Protein backbone atom coordinates (compact mmCIF):
# COMPACT_ATOMS: atom_id res chain seq x y z
CA MET A 1 -5.74 -18.78 -27.85
CA ASN A 2 -7.09 -19.07 -24.23
CA LYS A 3 -6.41 -22.73 -23.70
CA THR A 4 -2.96 -22.51 -25.21
CA MET A 5 -2.10 -19.52 -23.16
CA ILE A 6 -3.29 -21.25 -19.94
CA LYS A 7 -1.48 -24.35 -20.75
CA GLU A 8 1.86 -22.61 -21.40
CA ASP A 9 1.30 -20.25 -18.19
CA LEU A 10 0.87 -23.15 -15.92
CA GLN A 11 4.03 -24.98 -17.51
CA HIS A 12 6.26 -21.83 -16.93
CA ILE A 13 4.88 -19.24 -14.55
CA TRP A 14 4.63 -19.52 -10.61
CA HIS A 15 2.07 -16.93 -9.67
CA PRO A 16 2.34 -14.79 -6.78
CA CYS A 17 0.26 -15.37 -3.36
CA THR A 18 -1.24 -18.43 -5.16
CA GLN A 19 -1.57 -22.19 -4.23
CA MET A 20 -0.81 -23.33 -7.87
CA LYS A 21 -2.72 -26.47 -7.38
CA ASP A 22 -5.95 -24.42 -7.01
CA HIS A 23 -5.40 -24.10 -10.86
CA GLU A 24 -6.31 -27.60 -11.51
CA THR A 25 -9.98 -26.63 -10.58
CA LEU A 26 -9.99 -22.87 -10.95
CA PRO A 27 -9.14 -21.66 -14.34
CA LEU A 28 -6.60 -18.79 -15.02
CA ILE A 29 -8.18 -15.89 -16.81
CA PRO A 30 -5.88 -14.52 -19.85
CA ILE A 31 -6.58 -10.77 -19.99
CA LYS A 32 -6.29 -9.20 -23.40
CA SER A 33 -6.83 -5.51 -22.61
CA GLY A 34 -8.09 -2.98 -20.06
CA LYS A 35 -9.80 0.40 -20.04
CA GLY A 36 -10.93 2.55 -17.24
CA VAL A 37 -12.26 0.35 -14.28
CA TYR A 38 -12.56 -2.89 -16.84
CA LEU A 39 -10.26 -5.66 -17.71
CA PHE A 40 -11.39 -7.58 -20.66
CA ASP A 41 -10.61 -11.31 -21.57
CA PHE A 42 -10.14 -12.93 -24.91
CA GLU A 43 -13.74 -14.27 -24.90
CA GLY A 44 -15.30 -10.70 -24.63
CA ASN A 45 -15.98 -10.96 -21.22
CA ARG A 46 -15.50 -7.73 -18.85
CA TYR A 47 -14.55 -7.48 -15.13
CA ILE A 48 -14.83 -4.46 -13.06
CA ASP A 49 -11.28 -4.25 -11.34
CA ALA A 50 -12.72 -3.52 -7.93
CA ILE A 51 -9.37 -3.89 -6.18
CA SER A 52 -7.58 -1.62 -8.64
CA SER A 53 -5.20 -4.64 -9.53
CA TRP A 54 -3.60 -5.02 -6.07
CA TRP A 55 -4.42 -1.22 -5.28
CA VAL A 56 -2.25 0.39 -7.90
CA ASN A 57 -4.39 1.49 -10.88
CA ILE A 58 -5.78 4.67 -9.31
CA PHE A 59 -6.96 6.31 -12.33
CA GLY A 60 -7.96 2.88 -14.12
CA HIS A 61 -6.55 1.02 -17.07
CA ALA A 62 -4.93 2.56 -20.14
CA ASN A 63 -5.36 6.06 -18.92
CA PRO A 64 -4.91 8.37 -21.88
CA LYS A 65 -2.99 11.24 -19.89
CA ILE A 66 -0.52 8.70 -18.35
CA ASN A 67 -0.13 6.91 -21.76
CA GLU A 68 0.71 9.96 -23.57
CA LYS A 69 3.35 10.89 -21.06
CA VAL A 70 5.15 7.43 -20.90
CA LYS A 71 5.04 7.33 -24.73
CA LYS A 72 6.61 10.86 -25.05
CA GLN A 73 9.38 9.69 -22.50
CA LEU A 74 9.98 6.71 -24.35
CA ASP A 75 11.34 8.44 -27.40
CA THR A 76 13.64 10.54 -25.12
CA LEU A 77 15.24 8.55 -22.47
CA GLU A 78 14.20 5.11 -21.18
CA HIS A 79 16.81 4.65 -18.59
CA VAL A 80 20.13 5.90 -17.11
CA ILE A 81 22.13 5.18 -14.05
CA LEU A 82 21.21 7.49 -11.16
CA ALA A 83 24.64 7.36 -9.62
CA GLY A 84 26.63 10.10 -11.08
CA PHE A 85 24.03 11.11 -13.34
CA THR A 86 20.46 12.53 -13.15
CA HIS A 87 17.50 13.14 -15.40
CA GLU A 88 14.54 15.62 -15.76
CA PRO A 89 11.71 13.52 -14.69
CA ALA A 90 13.35 12.41 -11.53
CA VAL A 91 14.32 16.03 -10.52
CA THR A 92 10.83 17.18 -11.32
CA LEU A 93 9.27 14.38 -9.43
CA ALA A 94 11.26 14.99 -6.35
CA LYS A 95 10.44 18.47 -6.24
CA ARG A 96 6.52 18.03 -6.65
CA LEU A 97 6.72 15.23 -4.01
CA VAL A 98 8.45 17.43 -1.45
CA ALA A 99 6.00 20.24 -2.20
CA LEU A 100 3.10 17.63 -1.78
CA THR A 101 4.13 15.59 1.32
CA PRO A 102 4.10 16.81 4.82
CA GLU A 103 6.36 19.85 5.63
CA GLY A 104 9.63 18.92 6.41
CA LEU A 105 10.29 15.95 4.27
CA GLN A 106 12.91 17.38 1.88
CA LYS A 107 14.77 14.50 0.71
CA VAL A 108 13.65 11.76 -1.89
CA PHE A 109 15.46 8.39 -2.18
CA PHE A 110 14.08 6.32 -5.23
CA ALA A 111 13.61 2.54 -5.12
CA ASP A 112 11.36 0.22 -7.25
CA ASN A 113 8.64 -1.54 -5.17
CA GLY A 114 7.02 -1.10 -1.83
CA SER A 115 8.98 -3.88 -0.02
CA SER A 116 12.26 -2.25 -1.25
CA ALA A 117 11.15 1.17 0.13
CA VAL A 118 10.64 -0.50 3.49
CA GLU A 119 13.99 -2.08 3.27
CA VAL A 120 15.69 1.30 2.78
CA ALA A 121 13.77 3.05 5.52
CA LEU A 122 14.87 0.36 7.86
CA LYS A 123 18.48 0.48 6.80
CA MET A 124 18.30 4.27 6.91
CA SER A 125 17.01 4.53 10.43
CA TYR A 126 19.30 1.88 11.81
CA HIS A 127 22.49 3.35 10.07
CA TYR A 128 21.29 6.91 11.36
CA HIS A 129 21.42 5.87 14.82
CA ARG A 130 24.73 4.05 14.23
CA ASN A 131 26.37 7.16 12.67
CA ARG A 132 25.04 8.94 15.86
CA GLY A 133 26.96 6.48 18.12
CA GLU A 134 23.84 4.45 19.13
CA ASN A 135 23.21 0.84 18.88
CA ARG A 136 19.36 0.67 18.05
CA SER A 137 19.04 -2.60 16.38
CA LEU A 138 15.31 -3.22 17.30
CA PHE A 139 12.21 -2.20 15.18
CA LEU A 140 8.88 -1.72 16.40
CA SER A 141 5.65 -2.33 14.66
CA LEU A 142 1.79 -2.66 15.26
CA THR A 143 0.08 -6.00 15.76
CA ASN A 144 -1.63 -7.12 12.54
CA SER A 145 0.61 -5.13 10.41
CA TYR A 146 1.90 -5.76 6.97
CA HIS A 147 4.75 -4.18 5.13
CA GLY A 148 5.85 -6.35 2.34
CA GLU A 149 7.44 -9.71 1.76
CA THR A 150 11.29 -9.35 1.46
CA LEU A 151 13.10 -10.24 4.65
CA GLY A 152 13.34 -6.90 6.23
CA ALA A 153 9.76 -5.89 5.35
CA LEU A 154 8.36 -9.38 6.49
CA SER A 155 10.41 -8.95 9.85
CA VAL A 156 8.26 -5.78 10.67
CA GLY A 157 5.29 -7.29 9.55
CA ASP A 158 2.61 -9.39 11.84
CA VAL A 159 0.43 -11.34 9.53
CA GLN A 160 1.48 -14.73 10.64
CA LEU A 161 0.31 -16.38 7.10
CA TYR A 162 3.16 -14.47 5.43
CA LYS A 163 6.04 -14.63 8.04
CA GLU A 164 5.86 -17.65 10.21
CA THR A 165 7.61 -19.97 7.73
CA TYR A 166 10.63 -17.69 7.47
CA GLU A 167 10.89 -16.64 11.26
CA PRO A 168 14.38 -17.93 11.93
CA LEU A 169 15.76 -15.63 8.98
CA LEU A 170 14.14 -12.56 10.18
CA ILE A 171 15.56 -9.25 11.80
CA ALA A 172 14.57 -8.47 15.52
CA CYS A 173 11.12 -6.68 15.69
CA ILE A 174 8.57 -6.33 18.41
CA GLN A 175 4.88 -5.32 18.16
CA THR A 176 2.78 -2.95 20.09
CA PRO A 177 -1.20 -3.21 20.02
CA VAL A 178 -2.86 -1.59 17.15
CA PRO A 179 -6.04 0.30 18.11
CA LYS A 180 -8.90 -2.36 18.21
CA ASP A 181 -11.37 -0.28 16.32
CA GLN A 182 -11.78 3.33 14.79
CA SER A 183 -12.85 4.93 18.03
CA ARG A 184 -10.81 7.53 19.90
CA GLN A 185 -11.01 5.41 23.08
CA SER A 186 -9.43 2.64 21.37
CA ALA A 187 -6.66 4.86 20.13
CA ARG A 188 -5.97 6.10 23.66
CA GLU A 189 -5.74 2.55 24.97
CA ALA A 190 -3.45 1.70 22.41
CA LEU A 191 -1.20 4.84 22.97
CA GLU A 192 -1.08 3.93 26.70
CA ALA A 193 0.45 0.59 25.78
CA LEU A 194 2.95 2.25 23.35
CA SER A 195 3.88 4.54 26.15
CA ASP A 196 4.72 1.64 28.65
CA LEU A 197 6.67 -0.29 26.08
CA LEU A 198 8.89 2.74 25.13
CA ASP A 199 9.61 3.68 28.55
CA GLN A 200 10.61 0.10 29.02
CA ARG A 201 12.66 -0.55 25.66
CA GLY A 202 12.75 2.86 24.05
CA LYS A 203 16.49 3.10 23.85
CA GLU A 204 16.62 -0.32 21.98
CA ILE A 205 14.52 0.71 19.15
CA ALA A 206 15.45 2.49 15.94
CA ALA A 207 11.97 3.26 14.62
CA LEU A 208 8.22 2.51 14.70
CA ILE A 209 6.72 1.55 11.33
CA LEU A 210 3.11 1.75 10.60
CA GLU A 211 0.43 1.87 8.04
CA PRO A 212 -1.48 5.14 8.69
CA LEU A 213 -5.11 4.65 9.42
CA ILE A 214 -5.62 1.38 7.33
CA GLN A 215 -3.80 -1.94 7.73
CA GLY A 216 -4.14 -3.39 4.22
CA ALA A 217 -3.34 -6.90 3.99
CA GLY A 218 -4.29 -7.28 7.78
CA GLY A 219 -7.76 -7.44 6.71
CA MET A 220 -8.39 -3.59 6.00
CA HIS A 221 -8.19 -3.00 9.90
CA MET A 222 -8.84 0.53 10.50
CA TYR A 223 -8.22 3.06 13.34
CA HIS A 224 -8.49 6.70 14.39
CA PRO A 225 -6.00 9.33 13.33
CA ASP A 226 -5.60 10.25 17.19
CA TYR A 227 -3.27 7.37 17.34
CA LEU A 228 -0.76 8.77 14.68
CA LYS A 229 -0.82 12.11 16.80
CA GLY A 230 0.12 10.32 20.01
CA ALA A 231 2.56 7.92 18.32
CA ARG A 232 4.34 11.01 16.83
CA VAL A 233 4.72 12.54 20.18
CA LEU A 234 5.92 9.52 21.93
CA THR A 235 8.29 8.64 19.31
CA LYS A 236 9.92 11.93 19.33
CA ALA A 237 10.22 12.03 23.02
CA HIS A 238 12.22 8.75 23.00
CA GLY A 239 14.37 9.66 19.98
CA ILE A 240 12.72 6.97 17.71
CA HIS A 241 12.03 7.65 14.13
CA LEU A 242 8.53 7.13 12.83
CA ILE A 243 8.15 5.60 9.37
CA ALA A 244 4.63 6.03 7.86
CA ASP A 245 3.98 3.13 5.30
CA GLU A 246 1.77 4.97 2.88
CA ILE A 247 2.32 2.56 0.15
CA MET A 248 -1.24 1.53 -0.01
CA THR A 249 -2.82 4.49 1.92
CA GLY A 250 -1.09 7.16 -0.03
CA PHE A 251 -2.43 9.25 -3.01
CA GLY A 252 -5.97 9.77 -1.89
CA ARG A 253 -7.02 6.27 -0.51
CA THR A 254 -8.07 7.40 2.90
CA GLY A 255 -10.01 10.60 1.64
CA THR A 256 -6.79 12.73 1.89
CA MET A 257 -3.83 12.79 -0.34
CA PHE A 258 -1.90 11.02 2.64
CA GLY A 259 -3.19 9.20 5.70
CA CYS A 260 -0.77 11.49 7.81
CA GLU A 261 -2.50 14.47 6.80
CA GLN A 262 -5.63 13.46 8.91
CA ALA A 263 -3.22 13.45 11.96
CA GLY A 264 -1.32 16.80 11.04
CA ILE A 265 1.87 15.14 11.52
CA THR A 266 5.18 14.73 9.67
CA PRO A 267 6.97 11.28 10.13
CA ASP A 268 10.75 10.92 9.81
CA PHE A 269 10.25 8.73 6.74
CA MET A 270 7.04 8.27 4.41
CA LEU A 271 6.99 5.63 1.86
CA LEU A 272 5.18 5.96 -1.42
CA SER A 273 4.65 3.38 -4.18
CA LYS A 274 1.39 1.61 -5.77
CA GLY A 275 -0.66 4.60 -6.76
CA LEU A 276 2.44 6.55 -7.37
CA THR A 277 2.81 5.85 -11.00
CA GLY A 278 -1.18 5.15 -11.59
CA GLY A 279 -0.28 1.47 -11.43
CA TYR A 280 1.74 1.57 -14.74
CA LEU A 281 5.27 0.91 -13.77
CA PRO A 282 7.30 -0.19 -10.66
CA LEU A 283 8.56 2.72 -8.58
CA SER A 284 8.66 3.76 -5.03
CA VAL A 285 10.21 6.56 -2.83
CA VAL A 286 11.32 7.01 0.60
CA MET A 287 10.80 10.58 1.63
CA THR A 288 12.98 11.73 4.72
CA THR A 289 13.99 14.89 6.50
CA ASP A 290 17.29 17.16 6.34
CA GLU A 291 18.13 15.88 9.58
CA VAL A 292 18.38 11.99 8.48
CA TYR A 293 20.14 13.01 5.29
CA SER A 294 22.78 15.21 7.26
CA ALA A 295 23.77 12.12 9.34
CA PHE A 296 25.30 10.42 6.18
CA TYR A 297 26.80 13.77 4.72
CA CYS A 298 30.63 13.64 5.15
CA ASP A 299 34.02 13.30 3.60
CA TYR A 300 34.20 9.86 2.09
CA ASN A 301 33.75 7.19 4.83
CA GLU A 302 32.56 3.87 3.56
CA HIS A 303 31.07 2.90 6.89
CA LYS A 304 28.95 6.16 7.28
CA ALA A 305 27.77 6.34 3.72
CA PHE A 306 24.32 4.91 2.68
CA LEU A 307 25.32 2.21 0.35
CA HIS A 308 21.92 1.19 -1.21
CA SER A 309 21.18 0.80 -4.83
CA HIS A 310 18.90 -0.59 -7.37
CA SER A 311 19.56 -0.99 -11.01
CA TYR A 312 16.44 0.76 -12.07
CA THR A 313 16.65 3.51 -9.55
CA GLY A 314 14.62 6.55 -10.76
CA ASN A 315 13.65 5.10 -14.07
CA PRO A 316 12.62 7.89 -16.49
CA LEU A 317 9.62 5.94 -17.78
CA ALA A 318 8.35 5.19 -14.16
CA CYS A 319 8.95 8.97 -13.16
CA SER A 320 7.04 10.08 -15.98
CA ALA A 321 4.02 7.80 -15.20
CA ALA A 322 4.30 9.51 -11.77
CA LEU A 323 4.20 12.98 -12.94
CA ALA A 324 1.21 12.25 -15.19
CA THR A 325 -0.61 10.90 -11.96
CA LEU A 326 0.14 13.82 -10.06
CA ASP A 327 -0.94 16.08 -13.10
CA ILE A 328 -4.16 14.57 -12.79
CA PHE A 329 -4.53 15.36 -9.07
CA GLU A 330 -3.71 18.88 -9.96
CA SER A 331 -6.03 19.15 -12.86
CA GLU A 332 -9.11 17.42 -11.65
CA ASP A 333 -10.68 17.57 -8.25
CA ILE A 334 -9.93 14.03 -7.44
CA LEU A 335 -10.21 14.20 -3.69
CA GLY A 336 -13.46 16.00 -3.88
CA ASN A 337 -14.92 13.59 -6.35
CA ASN A 338 -13.80 10.63 -4.07
CA LYS A 339 -15.60 12.16 -1.17
CA LYS A 340 -18.77 11.94 -2.92
CA LYS A 341 -18.28 8.47 -4.10
CA SER A 342 -17.37 7.41 -0.63
CA ALA A 343 -20.45 8.87 0.74
CA TYR A 344 -22.49 7.03 -1.92
CA ILE A 345 -20.79 3.78 -1.20
CA ALA A 346 -21.54 4.28 2.53
CA GLU A 347 -25.26 4.84 1.97
CA LYS A 348 -25.43 1.40 0.27
CA LEU A 349 -23.56 -0.57 3.10
CA ASP A 350 -26.57 -0.76 5.42
CA ARG A 351 -27.91 -3.96 3.47
CA PHE A 352 -24.67 -5.68 4.10
CA THR A 353 -25.06 -5.24 8.10
CA ALA A 354 -28.29 -6.92 7.59
CA LEU A 355 -26.83 -10.28 6.50
CA SER A 356 -26.40 -12.75 9.24
CA ASN A 357 -22.88 -13.85 8.21
CA VAL A 358 -21.34 -10.28 8.21
CA LYS A 359 -19.50 -9.38 11.45
CA GLU A 360 -18.71 -5.79 10.66
CA VAL A 361 -18.77 -3.19 7.80
CA ARG A 362 -15.99 -0.47 8.04
CA GLN A 363 -14.93 2.43 5.61
CA THR A 364 -12.14 4.94 5.24
CA GLY A 365 -12.27 7.28 2.21
CA MET A 366 -12.08 5.00 -0.76
CA VAL A 367 -11.47 1.77 1.18
CA THR A 368 -14.33 -0.38 2.27
CA ALA A 369 -14.36 -3.79 4.08
CA ILE A 370 -16.95 -6.21 4.91
CA GLU A 371 -15.79 -8.79 7.54
CA LEU A 372 -17.61 -12.19 7.43
CA GLU A 373 -18.04 -14.54 10.34
CA GLY A 374 -19.31 -18.00 11.10
CA TYR A 375 -16.84 -19.82 8.87
CA ARG A 376 -13.78 -22.14 9.19
CA ALA A 377 -10.41 -21.35 7.54
CA GLU A 378 -10.47 -24.53 5.61
CA GLU A 379 -14.07 -23.48 4.02
CA ARG A 380 -11.87 -20.63 1.99
CA ILE A 381 -15.08 -18.40 1.83
CA GLY A 382 -12.98 -15.82 0.32
CA LEU A 383 -12.34 -17.97 -2.64
CA LYS A 384 -15.96 -18.77 -3.22
CA VAL A 385 -16.78 -14.90 -3.29
CA TYR A 386 -13.86 -14.49 -5.72
CA GLU A 387 -15.28 -17.09 -8.01
CA TYR A 388 -18.91 -15.75 -7.67
CA GLY A 389 -17.48 -12.24 -8.62
CA LEU A 390 -15.67 -13.28 -11.73
CA LYS A 391 -18.82 -15.15 -12.98
CA HIS A 392 -20.84 -11.98 -12.50
CA GLY A 393 -18.09 -9.48 -14.05
CA VAL A 394 -16.38 -8.15 -11.04
CA LEU A 395 -12.70 -8.85 -9.87
CA LEU A 396 -12.86 -9.28 -6.02
CA ARG A 397 -9.87 -10.80 -4.15
CA PRO A 398 -10.98 -11.05 -0.59
CA LEU A 399 -8.28 -11.19 2.27
CA GLY A 400 -9.57 -14.30 4.14
CA PRO A 401 -13.15 -13.41 5.44
CA VAL A 402 -12.64 -9.85 4.43
CA ILE A 403 -14.49 -8.71 1.18
CA TYR A 404 -13.17 -5.07 0.18
CA PHE A 405 -13.73 -2.46 -2.34
CA MET A 406 -10.85 -0.46 -3.43
CA PRO A 407 -11.77 0.49 -7.07
CA PRO A 408 -9.94 2.94 -9.41
CA TYR A 409 -11.27 6.46 -8.75
CA VAL A 410 -12.47 6.70 -12.14
CA ILE A 411 -15.35 4.42 -11.25
CA SER A 412 -18.93 5.53 -12.06
CA TYR A 413 -21.95 5.56 -9.87
CA GLU A 414 -23.42 2.85 -11.98
CA GLU A 415 -20.30 0.78 -11.82
CA ILE A 416 -20.21 1.15 -7.97
CA ASP A 417 -23.86 -0.26 -7.99
CA THR A 418 -22.75 -3.25 -9.95
CA MET A 419 -19.70 -3.92 -8.03
CA MET A 420 -21.66 -3.63 -4.58
CA GLU A 421 -24.68 -5.73 -5.89
CA VAL A 422 -22.30 -8.47 -7.18
CA ALA A 423 -20.48 -8.49 -3.83
CA PHE A 424 -23.71 -8.48 -1.68
CA GLU A 425 -25.16 -11.45 -3.51
CA GLY A 426 -22.02 -13.29 -3.52
CA ILE A 427 -21.95 -13.01 0.33
CA ARG A 428 -25.68 -13.84 0.67
CA SER A 429 -25.19 -16.96 -1.55
CA LEU A 430 -22.66 -18.40 0.87
């Protein structure tokens, strides 16, 4: 079964973020099933999913509560066009998200993945200014940021590994320094740079887009909430939108439901995906304000209307998975339990700092990063740790020299011990 599946896969499937030639020596692993924090292959091996399958399965695999809600919806309505029609899961989800997110975010625009949500927000922001008679065609983002891989999303990112090949195709964007670490002083220094840049070019800029508190694909770089507070003040002063990309940080990853909460701010746009459906189905939303919405509300004008759509906008099955995910947050003390698990993980990090090849250990909520040093890029140490992890029952997928933990919230303390022990031995064995 395994050999046939692997052979047929490599004949037909082009995998994401993968140099396919690697699979000449690194075997694919066909997965038969998942349950809780575990993935099971066809040979009876199990793997702790320490990265929540690219940060999405916040309540683990085959969660019975989410399963039940999606199955029930399947017998009622699987999909319907959301232009001119609506349905109960979409309406209920929109109401609950408005109640859950920072005050002032009153409107919900549905898309189907994180990159699409970024595209929607960029277009909405530019179009808003255009409808008000302003030409602001420049976007601003933080150095080292990542916002997806469609052309607009790629444009506002700053991880060269992803964007340099496509540079001639990208829209206009400039960067401002991200705080260099998690200290308040670094936040102040970065805000001074932002203030100077906005004084010079603020009238050209439509929006500042950022990942609150943690830059995911940028090596899990972390910074202090003070930067968000200051950025909100500065963007308002210059009439610039603030786009909070909470696609990864949303739904409890940072220790609060949303990263913006730790700064007490309301952005003009909040982007949600990944954990929104518990990792079950593709869905994203762009939360925005009545002010932004009002700039498009008028008698029919094809140039003023926001003409953006996806075939699967507001899919009822995906909305039902999202509603089940919110139910779990409401019925259980997820954030409180996560706080305890985060503290437990923090207690076990000292041994990593003692390793000579560890440069830095950092943590925000349920995200922990261990950055290694002393290796050349061509050594591909991340791949070595990945292989070690698989041999010992843990799925780790490092970001270059950064080994990180982002497990499902249902992980037990014993499973945390296993996850961290395997990572430790994998790093020590390099």
